[in-house]
All heavy atoms as atom14 arrays in JSON, in Angstrom:
{
  "sequence": "QSESYNKGDIVQVNRFISNDHVKFKPEMITSIDDISHNTKQHIEGTDY",
  "atom14_mask": [
    [1, 1, 1, 1, 1, 1, 1, 1, 1, 0, 0, 0, 0, 0],
    [1, 1, 1, 1, 1, 1, 0, 0, 0, 0, 0, 0, 0, 0],
    [1, 1, 1, 1, 1, 1, 1, 1, 1, 0, 0, 0, 0, 0],
    [1, 1, 1, 1, 1, 1, 0, 0, 0, 0, 0, 0, 0, 0],
    [1, 1, 1, 1, 1, 1, 1, 1, 1, 1, 1, 1, 0, 0],
    [1, 1, 1, 1, 1, 1, 1, 1, 0, 0, 0, 0, 0, 0],
    [1, 1, 1, 1, 1, 1, 1, 1, 1, 0, 0, 0, 0, 0],
    [1, 1, 1, 1, 0, 0, 0, 0, 0, 0, 0, 0, 0, 0],
    [1, 1, 1, 1, 1, 1, 1, 1, 0, 0, 0, 0, 0, 0],
    [1, 1, 1, 1, 1, 1, 1, 1, 0, 0, 0, 0, 0, 0],
    [1, 1, 1, 1, 1, 1, 1, 0, 0, 0, 0, 0, 0, 0],
    [1, 1, 1, 1, 1, 1, 1, 1, 1, 0, 0, 0, 0, 0],
    [1, 1, 1, 1, 1, 1, 1, 0, 0, 0, 0, 0, 0, 0],
    [1, 1, 1, 1, 1, 1, 1, 1, 0, 0, 0, 0, 0, 0],
    [1, 1, 1, 1, 1, 1, 1, 1, 1, 1, 1, 0, 0, 0],
    [1, 1, 1, 1, 1, 1, 1, 1, 1, 1, 1, 0, 0, 0],
    [1, 1, 1, 1, 1, 1, 1, 1, 0, 0, 0, 0, 0, 0],
    [1, 1, 1, 1, 1, 1, 0, 0, 0, 0, 0, 0, 0, 0],
    [1, 1, 1, 1, 1, 1, 1, 1, 0, 0, 0, 0, 0, 0],
    [1, 1, 1, 1, 1, 1, 1, 1, 0, 0, 0, 0, 0, 0],
    [1, 1, 1, 1, 1, 1, 1, 1, 1, 1, 0, 0, 0, 0],
    [1, 1, 1, 1, 1, 1, 1, 0, 0, 0, 0, 0, 0, 0],
    [1, 1, 1, 1, 1, 1, 1, 1, 1, 0, 0, 0, 0, 0],
    [1, 1, 1, 1, 1, 1, 1, 1, 1, 1, 1, 0, 0, 0],
    [1, 1, 1, 1, 1, 1, 1, 1, 1, 0, 0, 0, 0, 0],
    [1, 1, 1, 1, 1, 1, 1, 0, 0, 0, 0, 0, 0, 0],
    [1, 1, 1, 1, 1, 1, 1, 1, 1, 0, 0, 0, 0, 0],
    [1, 1, 1, 1, 1, 1, 1, 1, 0, 0, 0, 0, 0, 0],
    [1, 1, 1, 1, 1, 1, 1, 1, 0, 0, 0, 0, 0, 0],
    [1, 1, 1, 1, 1, 1, 1, 0, 0, 0, 0, 0, 0, 0],
    [1, 1, 1, 1, 1, 1, 0, 0, 0, 0, 0, 0, 0, 0],
    [1, 1, 1, 1, 1, 1, 1, 1, 0, 0, 0, 0, 0, 0],
    [1, 1, 1, 1, 1, 1, 1, 1, 0, 0, 0, 0, 0, 0],
    [1, 1, 1, 1, 1, 1, 1, 1, 0, 0, 0, 0, 0, 0],
    [1, 1, 1, 1, 1, 1, 1, 1, 0, 0, 0, 0, 0, 0],
    [1, 1, 1, 1, 1, 1, 0, 0, 0, 0, 0, 0, 0, 0],
    [1, 1, 1, 1, 1, 1, 1, 1, 1, 1, 0, 0, 0, 0],
    [1, 1, 1, 1, 1, 1, 1, 1, 0, 0, 0, 0, 0, 0],
    [1, 1, 1, 1, 1, 1, 1, 0, 0, 0, 0, 0, 0, 0],
    [1, 1, 1, 1, 1, 1, 1, 1, 1, 0, 0, 0, 0, 0],
    [1, 1, 1, 1, 1, 1, 1, 1, 1, 0, 0, 0, 0, 0],
    [1, 1, 1, 1, 1, 1, 1, 1, 1, 1, 0, 0, 0, 0],
    [1, 1, 1, 1, 1, 1, 1, 1, 0, 0, 0, 0, 0, 0],
    [1, 1, 1, 1, 1, 1, 1, 1, 1, 0, 0, 0, 0, 0],
    [1, 1, 1, 1, 0, 0, 0, 0, 0, 0, 0, 0, 0, 0],
    [1, 1, 1, 1, 1, 1, 1, 0, 0, 0, 0, 0, 0, 0],
    [1, 1, 1, 1, 1, 1, 1, 1, 0, 0, 0, 0, 0, 0],
    [1, 1, 1, 1, 1, 1, 1, 1, 1, 1, 1, 1, 0, 0]
  ],
  "atom14_positions": [
    [[-15.68, 11.36, -16.76], [-15.29, 11.6, -18.14], [-13.78, 11.47, -18.31], [-13.01, 11.75, -17.4], [-15.73, 13.01, -18.59], [-17.24, 13.17, -18.63], [-17.65, 14.5, -19.22], [-18.78, 14.88, -19.08], [-16.76, 15.2, -19.87], [0.0, 0.0, 0.0], [0.0, 0.0, 0.0], [0.0, 0.0, 0.0], [0.0, 0.0, 0.0], [0.0, 0.0, 0.0]],
    [[-13.36, 10.99, -19.49], [-11.93, 10.84, -19.77], [-11.29, 12.22, -19.88], [-11.91, 13.16, -20.34], [-11.73, 10.06, -21.07], [-12.32, 10.74, -22.15], [0.0, 0.0, 0.0], [0.0, 0.0, 0.0], [0.0, 0.0, 0.0], [0.0, 0.0, 0.0], [0.0, 0.0, 0.0], [0.0, 0.0, 0.0], [0.0, 0.0, 0.0], [0.0, 0.0, 0.0]],
    [[-10.03, 12.3, -19.46], [-9.33, 13.57, -19.46], [-8.0, 13.43, -20.19], [-7.28, 12.44, -20.04], [-9.05, 14.0, -18.01], [-10.29, 14.37, -17.21], [-10.75, 15.78, -17.48], [-9.92, 16.68, -17.62], [-11.97, 15.99, -17.55], [0.0, 0.0, 0.0], [0.0, 0.0, 0.0], [0.0, 0.0, 0.0], [0.0, 0.0, 0.0], [0.0, 0.0, 0.0]],
    [[-7.65, 14.42, -20.99], [-6.33, 14.5, -21.59], [-5.74, 15.84, -21.19], [-6.46, 16.84, -21.09], [-6.41, 14.37, -23.12], [-7.2, 15.41, -23.67], [0.0, 0.0, 0.0], [0.0, 0.0, 0.0], [0.0, 0.0, 0.0], [0.0, 0.0, 0.0], [0.0, 0.0, 0.0], [0.0, 0.0, 0.0], [0.0, 0.0, 0.0], [0.0, 0.0, 0.0]],
    [[-4.43, 15.85, -20.95], [-3.8, 17.05, -20.42], [-2.68, 17.52, -21.33], [-2.01, 16.73, -21.99], [-3.25, 16.77, -19.01], [-4.34, 16.43, -18.02], [-4.73, 15.11, -17.82], [-5.0, 17.43, -17.33], [-5.74, 14.79, -16.94], [-6.01, 17.13, -16.43], [-6.39, 15.81, -16.25], [-7.4, 15.51, -15.37], [0.0, 0.0, 0.0], [0.0, 0.0, 0.0]],
    [[-2.49, 18.84, -21.32], [-1.45, 19.46, -22.13], [-0.75, 20.54, -21.32], [-1.3, 21.06, -20.33], [-2.04, 20.07, -23.4], [-2.66, 19.04, -24.31], [-1.96, 18.27, -24.95], [-3.99, 19.01, -24.35], [0.0, 0.0, 0.0], [0.0, 0.0, 0.0], [0.0, 0.0, 0.0], [0.0, 0.0, 0.0], [0.0, 0.0, 0.0], [0.0, 0.0, 0.0]],
    [[0.44, 20.88, -21.75], [1.2, 21.95, -21.13], [0.39, 23.25, -21.17], [-0.15, 23.62, -22.2], [2.52, 22.12, -21.88], [3.48, 23.13, -21.3], [4.77, 23.11, -22.11], [5.78, 24.14, -21.6], [7.04, 24.09, -22.37], [0.0, 0.0, 0.0], [0.0, 0.0, 0.0], [0.0, 0.0, 0.0], [0.0, 0.0, 0.0], [0.0, 0.0, 0.0]],
    [[0.28, 23.92, -20.02], [-0.45, 25.17, -19.95], [-1.88, 25.03, -19.49], [-2.54, 26.04, -19.22], [0.0, 0.0, 0.0], [0.0, 0.0, 0.0], [0.0, 0.0, 0.0], [0.0, 0.0, 0.0], [0.0, 0.0, 0.0], [0.0, 0.0, 0.0], [0.0, 0.0, 0.0], [0.0, 0.0, 0.0], [0.0, 0.0, 0.0], [0.0, 0.0, 0.0]],
    [[-2.4, 23.8, -19.37], [-3.79, 23.61, -18.94], [-4.01, 24.11, -17.51], [-3.15, 23.95, -16.64], [-4.17, 22.12, -19.0], [-4.45, 21.64, -20.41], [-4.46, 22.49, -21.32], [-4.67, 20.43, -20.6], [0.0, 0.0, 0.0], [0.0, 0.0, 0.0], [0.0, 0.0, 0.0], [0.0, 0.0, 0.0], [0.0, 0.0, 0.0], [0.0, 0.0, 0.0]],
    [[-5.16, 24.71, -17.29], [-5.57, 25.14, -15.95], [-6.29, 23.98, -15.29], [-7.23, 23.42, -15.86], [-6.48, 26.37, -16.02], [-5.75, 27.54, -16.68], [-6.95, 26.79, -14.63], [-6.63, 28.73, -17.0], [0.0, 0.0, 0.0], [0.0, 0.0, 0.0], [0.0, 0.0, 0.0], [0.0, 0.0, 0.0], [0.0, 0.0, 0.0], [0.0, 0.0, 0.0]],
    [[-5.86, 23.58, -14.1], [-6.4, 22.4, -13.44], [-6.76, 22.68, -11.99], [-6.27, 23.64, -11.38], [-5.42, 21.21, -13.5], [-5.22, 20.73, -14.93], [-4.07, 21.58, -12.87], [0.0, 0.0, 0.0], [0.0, 0.0, 0.0], [0.0, 0.0, 0.0], [0.0, 0.0, 0.0], [0.0, 0.0, 0.0], [0.0, 0.0, 0.0], [0.0, 0.0, 0.0]],
    [[-7.61, 21.81, -11.44], [-8.0, 21.85, -10.04], [-7.36, 20.68, -9.31], [-7.43, 19.54, -9.76], [-9.52, 21.76, -9.92], [-10.03, 21.51, -8.51], [-11.51, 21.18, -8.51], [-12.32, 21.96, -8.99], [-11.87, 20.03, -7.98], [0.0, 0.0, 0.0], [0.0, 0.0, 0.0], [0.0, 0.0, 0.0], [0.0, 0.0, 0.0], [0.0, 0.0, 0.0]],
    [[-6.73, 20.95, -8.17], [-6.15, 19.9, -7.34], [-7.26, 19.28, -6.49], [-8.04, 19.99, -5.87], [-5.04, 20.46, -6.44], [-4.47, 19.37, -5.52], [-3.92, 21.07, -7.29], [0.0, 0.0, 0.0], [0.0, 0.0, 0.0], [0.0, 0.0, 0.0], [0.0, 0.0, 0.0], [0.0, 0.0, 0.0], [0.0, 0.0, 0.0], [0.0, 0.0, 0.0]],
    [[-7.32, 17.95, -6.45], [-8.41, 17.27, -5.76], [-8.01, 16.62, -4.44], [-8.88, 16.17, -3.69], [-9.03, 16.21, -6.67], [-9.63, 16.81, -7.92], [-10.33, 17.82, -7.84], [-9.33, 16.25, -9.07], [0.0, 0.0, 0.0], [0.0, 0.0, 0.0], [0.0, 0.0, 0.0], [0.0, 0.0, 0.0], [0.0, 0.0, 0.0], [0.0, 0.0, 0.0]],
    [[-6.71, 16.57, -4.13], [-6.25, 15.96, -2.87], [-5.21, 16.85, -2.22], [-4.45, 17.55, -2.9], [-5.65, 14.57, -3.12], [-6.63, 13.56, -3.71], [-5.9, 12.27, -4.05], [-6.74, 11.35, -4.79], [-7.29, 10.26, -4.28], [-7.08, 9.96, -3.0], [-8.04, 9.46, -5.02], [0.0, 0.0, 0.0], [0.0, 0.0, 0.0], [0.0, 0.0, 0.0]],
    [[-5.15, 16.77, -0.91], [-4.16, 17.54, -0.15], [-2.77, 16.96, -0.4], [-2.55, 15.75, -0.34], [-4.49, 17.47, 1.35], [-3.51, 18.23, 2.2], [-3.62, 19.6, 2.37], [-2.47, 17.57, 2.85], [-2.73, 20.3, 3.16], [-1.58, 18.26, 3.64], [-1.71, 19.63, 3.8], [0.0, 0.0, 0.0], [0.0, 0.0, 0.0], [0.0, 0.0, 0.0]],
    [[-1.8, 17.82, -0.68], [-0.4, 17.42, -0.87], [0.48, 18.39, -0.11], [0.32, 19.61, -0.21], [0.01, 17.44, -2.36], [-0.78, 16.42, -3.16], [1.51, 17.17, -2.5], [-0.47, 16.46, -4.65], [0.0, 0.0, 0.0], [0.0, 0.0, 0.0], [0.0, 0.0, 0.0], [0.0, 0.0, 0.0], [0.0, 0.0, 0.0], [0.0, 0.0, 0.0]],
    [[1.41, 17.86, 0.65], [2.37, 18.7, 1.35], [3.72, 18.0, 1.38], [3.83, 16.88, 1.88], [1.89, 18.99, 2.78], [2.83, 19.82, 3.45], [0.0, 0.0, 0.0], [0.0, 0.0, 0.0], [0.0, 0.0, 0.0], [0.0, 0.0, 0.0], [0.0, 0.0, 0.0], [0.0, 0.0, 0.0], [0.0, 0.0, 0.0], [0.0, 0.0, 0.0]],
    [[4.72, 18.65, 0.8], [6.09, 18.13, 0.89], [7.03, 19.31, 1.12], [6.58, 20.41, 1.45], [6.46, 17.3, -0.35], [6.33, 18.08, -1.64], [6.62, 19.28, -1.7], [5.89, 17.41, -2.72], [0.0, 0.0, 0.0], [0.0, 0.0, 0.0], [0.0, 0.0, 0.0], [0.0, 0.0, 0.0], [0.0, 0.0, 0.0], [0.0, 0.0, 0.0]],
    [[8.31, 19.08, 0.94], [9.28, 20.15, 1.23], [9.24, 21.28, 0.21], [9.85, 22.34, 0.43], [10.71, 19.57, 1.25], [10.92, 18.61, 2.42], [10.16, 18.73, 3.41], [11.82, 17.75, 2.33], [0.0, 0.0, 0.0], [0.0, 0.0, 0.0], [0.0, 0.0, 0.0], [0.0, 0.0, 0.0], [0.0, 0.0, 0.0], [0.0, 0.0, 0.0]],
    [[8.53, 21.09, -0.9], [8.54, 22.07, -1.98], [7.22, 22.83, -2.14], [7.21, 24.02, -2.44], [8.89, 21.39, -3.3], [10.2, 20.66, -3.29], [11.4, 21.28, -3.51], [10.48, 19.35, -3.05], [12.38, 20.4, -3.42], [11.84, 19.22, -3.15], [0.0, 0.0, 0.0], [0.0, 0.0, 0.0], [0.0, 0.0, 0.0], [0.0, 0.0, 0.0]],
    [[6.11, 22.13, -1.97], [4.81, 22.74, -2.23], [3.79, 22.29, -1.19], [4.01, 21.32, -0.46], [4.28, 22.36, -3.64], [5.17, 22.89, -4.73], [4.12, 20.85, -3.75], [0.0, 0.0, 0.0], [0.0, 0.0, 0.0], [0.0, 0.0, 0.0], [0.0, 0.0, 0.0], [0.0, 0.0, 0.0], [0.0, 0.0, 0.0], [0.0, 0.0, 0.0]],
    [[2.69, 23.01, -1.17], [1.56, 22.63, -0.32], [0.29, 22.95, -1.09], [0.0, 24.11, -1.38], [1.6, 23.4, 1.0], [0.52, 22.99, 1.99], [0.7, 23.72, 3.33], [-0.31, 23.25, 4.35], [-0.12, 23.94, 5.65], [0.0, 0.0, 0.0], [0.0, 0.0, 0.0], [0.0, 0.0, 0.0], [0.0, 0.0, 0.0], [0.0, 0.0, 0.0]],
    [[-0.46, 21.91, -1.44], [-1.7, 22.07, -2.2], [-2.88, 21.64, -1.34], [-2.83, 20.61, -0.67], [-1.7, 21.21, -3.46], [-0.67, 21.59, -4.48], [-0.15, 20.65, -5.35], [-0.23, 22.9, -4.58], [0.78, 21.0, -6.3], [0.71, 23.26, -5.53], [1.22, 22.31, -6.39], [0.0, 0.0, 0.0], [0.0, 0.0, 0.0], [0.0, 0.0, 0.0]],
    [[-3.93, 22.43, -1.39], [-5.18, 22.08, -0.73], [-6.2, 21.68, -1.79], [-6.15, 22.18, -2.92], [-5.71, 23.26, 0.09], [-4.82, 23.65, 1.26], [-5.43, 24.83, 2.02], [-4.54, 25.23, 3.2], [-5.12, 26.38, 3.94], [0.0, 0.0, 0.0], [0.0, 0.0, 0.0], [0.0, 0.0, 0.0], [0.0, 0.0, 0.0], [0.0, 0.0, 0.0]],
    [[-7.15, 20.79, -1.44], [-8.2, 20.44, -2.4], [-8.92, 21.68, -2.91], [-9.13, 22.64, -2.15], [-9.13, 19.54, -1.58], [-8.25, 18.95, -0.54], [-7.26, 20.03, -0.18], [0.0, 0.0, 0.0], [0.0, 0.0, 0.0], [0.0, 0.0, 0.0], [0.0, 0.0, 0.0], [0.0, 0.0, 0.0], [0.0, 0.0, 0.0], [0.0, 0.0, 0.0]],
    [[-9.26, 21.68, -4.19], [-9.97, 22.74, -4.89], [-9.07, 23.9, -5.29], [-9.52, 24.87, -5.88], [-11.16, 23.26, -4.08], [-12.17, 22.17, -3.73], [-13.3, 22.68, -2.86], [-13.39, 23.89, -2.64], [-14.1, 21.84, -2.41], [0.0, 0.0, 0.0], [0.0, 0.0, 0.0], [0.0, 0.0, 0.0], [0.0, 0.0, 0.0], [0.0, 0.0, 0.0]],
    [[-7.76, 23.8, -4.98], [-6.83, 24.83, -5.41], [-6.71, 24.8, -6.94], [-6.71, 23.75, -7.56], [-5.46, 24.58, -4.78], [-4.37, 25.51, -5.28], [-2.78, 25.1, -4.53], [-1.68, 26.04, -5.59], [0.0, 0.0, 0.0], [0.0, 0.0, 0.0], [0.0, 0.0, 0.0], [0.0, 0.0, 0.0], [0.0, 0.0, 0.0], [0.0, 0.0, 0.0]],
    [[-6.64, 25.98, -7.55], [-6.5, 26.1, -9.0], [-5.04, 26.43, -9.34], [-4.44, 27.33, -8.75], [-7.42, 27.2, -9.56], [-8.87, 26.91, -9.18], [-7.27, 27.29, -11.07], [-9.41, 25.62, -9.73], [0.0, 0.0, 0.0], [0.0, 0.0, 0.0], [0.0, 0.0, 0.0], [0.0, 0.0, 0.0], [0.0, 0.0, 0.0], [0.0, 0.0, 0.0]],
    [[-4.47, 25.67, -10.27], [-3.1, 25.91, -10.68], [-2.99, 25.58, -12.17], [-4.0, 25.39, -12.84], [-2.12, 25.06, -9.84], [-0.77, 25.4, -10.19], [-2.34, 23.58, -10.04], [0.0, 0.0, 0.0], [0.0, 0.0, 0.0], [0.0, 0.0, 0.0], [0.0, 0.0, 0.0], [0.0, 0.0, 0.0], [0.0, 0.0, 0.0], [0.0, 0.0, 0.0]],
    [[-1.79, 25.51, -12.7], [-1.62, 25.2, -14.12], [-0.46, 24.24, -14.31], [0.46, 24.17, -13.49], [-1.39, 26.48, -14.94], [-0.21, 27.13, -14.52], [0.0, 0.0, 0.0], [0.0, 0.0, 0.0], [0.0, 0.0, 0.0], [0.0, 0.0, 0.0], [0.0, 0.0, 0.0], [0.0, 0.0, 0.0], [0.0, 0.0, 0.0], [0.0, 0.0, 0.0]],
    [[-0.52, 23.48, -15.41], [0.52, 22.52, -15.75], [1.61, 23.25, -16.54], [1.36, 23.73, -17.65], [-0.06, 21.36, -16.57], [-1.12, 20.6, -15.76], [1.04, 20.41, -17.01], [-1.87, 19.55, -16.55], [0.0, 0.0, 0.0], [0.0, 0.0, 0.0], [0.0, 0.0, 0.0], [0.0, 0.0, 0.0], [0.0, 0.0, 0.0], [0.0, 0.0, 0.0]],
    [[2.8, 23.34, -15.98], [3.9, 24.05, -16.64], [4.66, 23.17, -17.63], [5.29, 23.67, -18.56], [4.86, 24.62, -15.6], [4.2, 25.67, -14.73], [3.35, 26.42, -15.25], [4.52, 25.75, -13.53], [0.0, 0.0, 0.0], [0.0, 0.0, 0.0], [0.0, 0.0, 0.0], [0.0, 0.0, 0.0], [0.0, 0.0, 0.0], [0.0, 0.0, 0.0]],
    [[4.63, 21.86, -17.4], [5.26, 20.93, -18.33], [4.65, 19.55, -18.09], [4.0, 19.32, -17.07], [6.78, 20.88, -18.12], [7.53, 20.45, -19.38], [6.87, 19.99, -20.34], [8.77, 20.58, -19.4], [0.0, 0.0, 0.0], [0.0, 0.0, 0.0], [0.0, 0.0, 0.0], [0.0, 0.0, 0.0], [0.0, 0.0, 0.0], [0.0, 0.0, 0.0]],
    [[4.85, 18.63, -19.04], [4.21, 17.32, -18.93], [5.06, 16.28, -19.64], [5.7, 16.56, -20.65], [2.78, 17.38, -19.52], [2.01, 16.09, -19.23], [2.82, 17.67, -21.0], [0.52, 16.22, -19.51], [0.0, 0.0, 0.0], [0.0, 0.0, 0.0], [0.0, 0.0, 0.0], [0.0, 0.0, 0.0], [0.0, 0.0, 0.0], [0.0, 0.0, 0.0]],
    [[5.09, 15.06, -19.08], [5.79, 13.93, -19.69], [4.84, 12.74, -19.65], [4.5, 12.23, -18.58], [7.08, 13.61, -18.93], [7.73, 12.49, -19.49], [0.0, 0.0, 0.0], [0.0, 0.0, 0.0], [0.0, 0.0, 0.0], [0.0, 0.0, 0.0], [0.0, 0.0, 0.0], [0.0, 0.0, 0.0], [0.0, 0.0, 0.0], [0.0, 0.0, 0.0]],
    [[4.41, 12.29, -20.82], [3.42, 11.22, -20.93], [4.08, 9.84, -20.93], [5.3, 9.69, -21.08], [2.6, 11.38, -22.21], [1.53, 12.41, -22.11], [0.38, 12.22, -21.39], [1.44, 13.66, -22.65], [-0.39, 13.29, -21.49], [0.23, 14.18, -22.24], [0.0, 0.0, 0.0], [0.0, 0.0, 0.0], [0.0, 0.0, 0.0], [0.0, 0.0, 0.0]],
    [[3.23, 8.82, -20.75], [3.62, 7.42, -20.89], [4.77, 7.03, -19.96], [5.79, 6.49, -20.39], [3.97, 7.09, -22.35], [2.8, 7.31, -23.28], [1.68, 6.94, -22.98], [3.07, 7.97, -24.42], [0.0, 0.0, 0.0], [0.0, 0.0, 0.0], [0.0, 0.0, 0.0], [0.0, 0.0, 0.0], [0.0, 0.0, 0.0], [0.0, 0.0, 0.0]],
    [[4.6, 7.35, -18.7], [5.57, 6.97, -17.68], [4.9, 5.98, -16.72], [3.72, 5.69, -16.84], [6.06, 8.2, -16.89], [4.94, 8.81, -16.25], [6.71, 9.21, -17.83], [0.0, 0.0, 0.0], [0.0, 0.0, 0.0], [0.0, 0.0, 0.0], [0.0, 0.0, 0.0], [0.0, 0.0, 0.0], [0.0, 0.0, 0.0], [0.0, 0.0, 0.0]],
    [[5.66, 5.45, -15.78], [5.05, 4.51, -14.84], [5.75, 4.58, -13.48], [6.91, 5.0, -13.37], [5.08, 3.08, -15.38], [6.47, 2.52, -15.63], [6.37, 1.13, -16.25], [7.76, 0.55, -16.54], [7.66, -0.81, -17.16], [0.0, 0.0, 0.0], [0.0, 0.0, 0.0], [0.0, 0.0, 0.0], [0.0, 0.0, 0.0], [0.0, 0.0, 0.0]],
    [[5.03, 4.15, -12.47], [5.55, 4.0, -11.11], [5.32, 2.55, -10.68], [4.25, 1.97, -10.94], [4.83, 4.95, -10.16], [5.28, 6.39, -10.25], [6.31, 6.74, -9.21], [6.7, 5.92, -8.39], [6.76, 7.99, -9.23], [0.0, 0.0, 0.0], [0.0, 0.0, 0.0], [0.0, 0.0, 0.0], [0.0, 0.0, 0.0], [0.0, 0.0, 0.0]],
    [[6.31, 1.96, -10.03], [6.22, 0.57, -9.58], [5.95, 0.55, -8.07], [6.79, 1.01, -7.29], [7.52, -0.17, -9.9], [7.46, -1.65, -9.65], [6.86, -2.52, -10.53], [7.92, -2.39, -8.61], [6.95, -3.75, -10.05], [7.59, -3.7, -8.88], [0.0, 0.0, 0.0], [0.0, 0.0, 0.0], [0.0, 0.0, 0.0], [0.0, 0.0, 0.0]],
    [[4.8, 0.06, -7.68], [4.4, 0.0, -6.27], [4.0, -1.42, -5.91], [3.03, -1.95, -6.45], [3.23, 0.96, -5.97], [3.58, 2.4, -6.36], [2.83, 0.88, -4.5], [4.65, 3.04, -5.52], [0.0, 0.0, 0.0], [0.0, 0.0, 0.0], [0.0, 0.0, 0.0], [0.0, 0.0, 0.0], [0.0, 0.0, 0.0], [0.0, 0.0, 0.0]],
    [[4.74, -2.04, -5.0], [4.41, -3.37, -4.46], [4.05, -4.37, -5.56], [3.02, -5.04, -5.52], [3.24, -3.25, -3.47], [3.48, -2.3, -2.31], [4.54, -2.8, -1.33], [5.18, -3.81, -1.62], [4.72, -2.16, -0.28], [0.0, 0.0, 0.0], [0.0, 0.0, 0.0], [0.0, 0.0, 0.0], [0.0, 0.0, 0.0], [0.0, 0.0, 0.0]],
    [[4.94, -4.47, -6.57], [4.75, -5.46, -7.61], [3.83, -5.07, -8.75], [3.6, -5.86, -9.67], [0.0, 0.0, 0.0], [0.0, 0.0, 0.0], [0.0, 0.0, 0.0], [0.0, 0.0, 0.0], [0.0, 0.0, 0.0], [0.0, 0.0, 0.0], [0.0, 0.0, 0.0], [0.0, 0.0, 0.0], [0.0, 0.0, 0.0], [0.0, 0.0, 0.0]],
    [[3.28, -3.87, -8.71], [2.36, -3.42, -9.75], [2.89, -2.16, -10.44], [3.35, -1.23, -9.77], [0.97, -3.13, -9.16], [0.45, -4.32, -8.54], [0.0, -2.69, -10.26], [0.0, 0.0, 0.0], [0.0, 0.0, 0.0], [0.0, 0.0, 0.0], [0.0, 0.0, 0.0], [0.0, 0.0, 0.0], [0.0, 0.0, 0.0], [0.0, 0.0, 0.0]],
    [[2.83, -2.16, -11.77], [3.2, -0.96, -12.53], [1.96, -0.11, -12.77], [0.95, -0.61, -13.28], [3.81, -1.35, -13.88], [5.22, -1.89, -13.74], [5.9, -1.52, -12.77], [5.63, -2.71, -14.6], [0.0, 0.0, 0.0], [0.0, 0.0, 0.0], [0.0, 0.0, 0.0], [0.0, 0.0, 0.0], [0.0, 0.0, 0.0], [0.0, 0.0, 0.0]],
    [[2.05, 1.16, -12.42], [0.94, 2.1, -12.64], [1.34, 3.06, -13.76], [2.32, 3.81, -13.63], [0.63, 2.86, -11.36], [0.09, 1.96, -10.26], [0.94, 1.43, -9.29], [-1.26, 1.63, -10.22], [0.46, 0.6, -8.29], [-1.76, 0.8, -9.22], [-0.89, 0.29, -8.27], [-1.39, -0.55, -7.28], [0.0, 0.0, 0.0], [0.0, 0.0, 0.0]]
  ]
}
């Protein structure tokens, strides 16, 4: 199903993430504190 997100939404993390700031495990519940729409990342010649 299509998803739209807003500031304050309660969400479930679906992939493991670990960096110098945070560590998320799959199925962890957290919330979106802020959001910036319509951005992109450039990876190997492709804009996402």
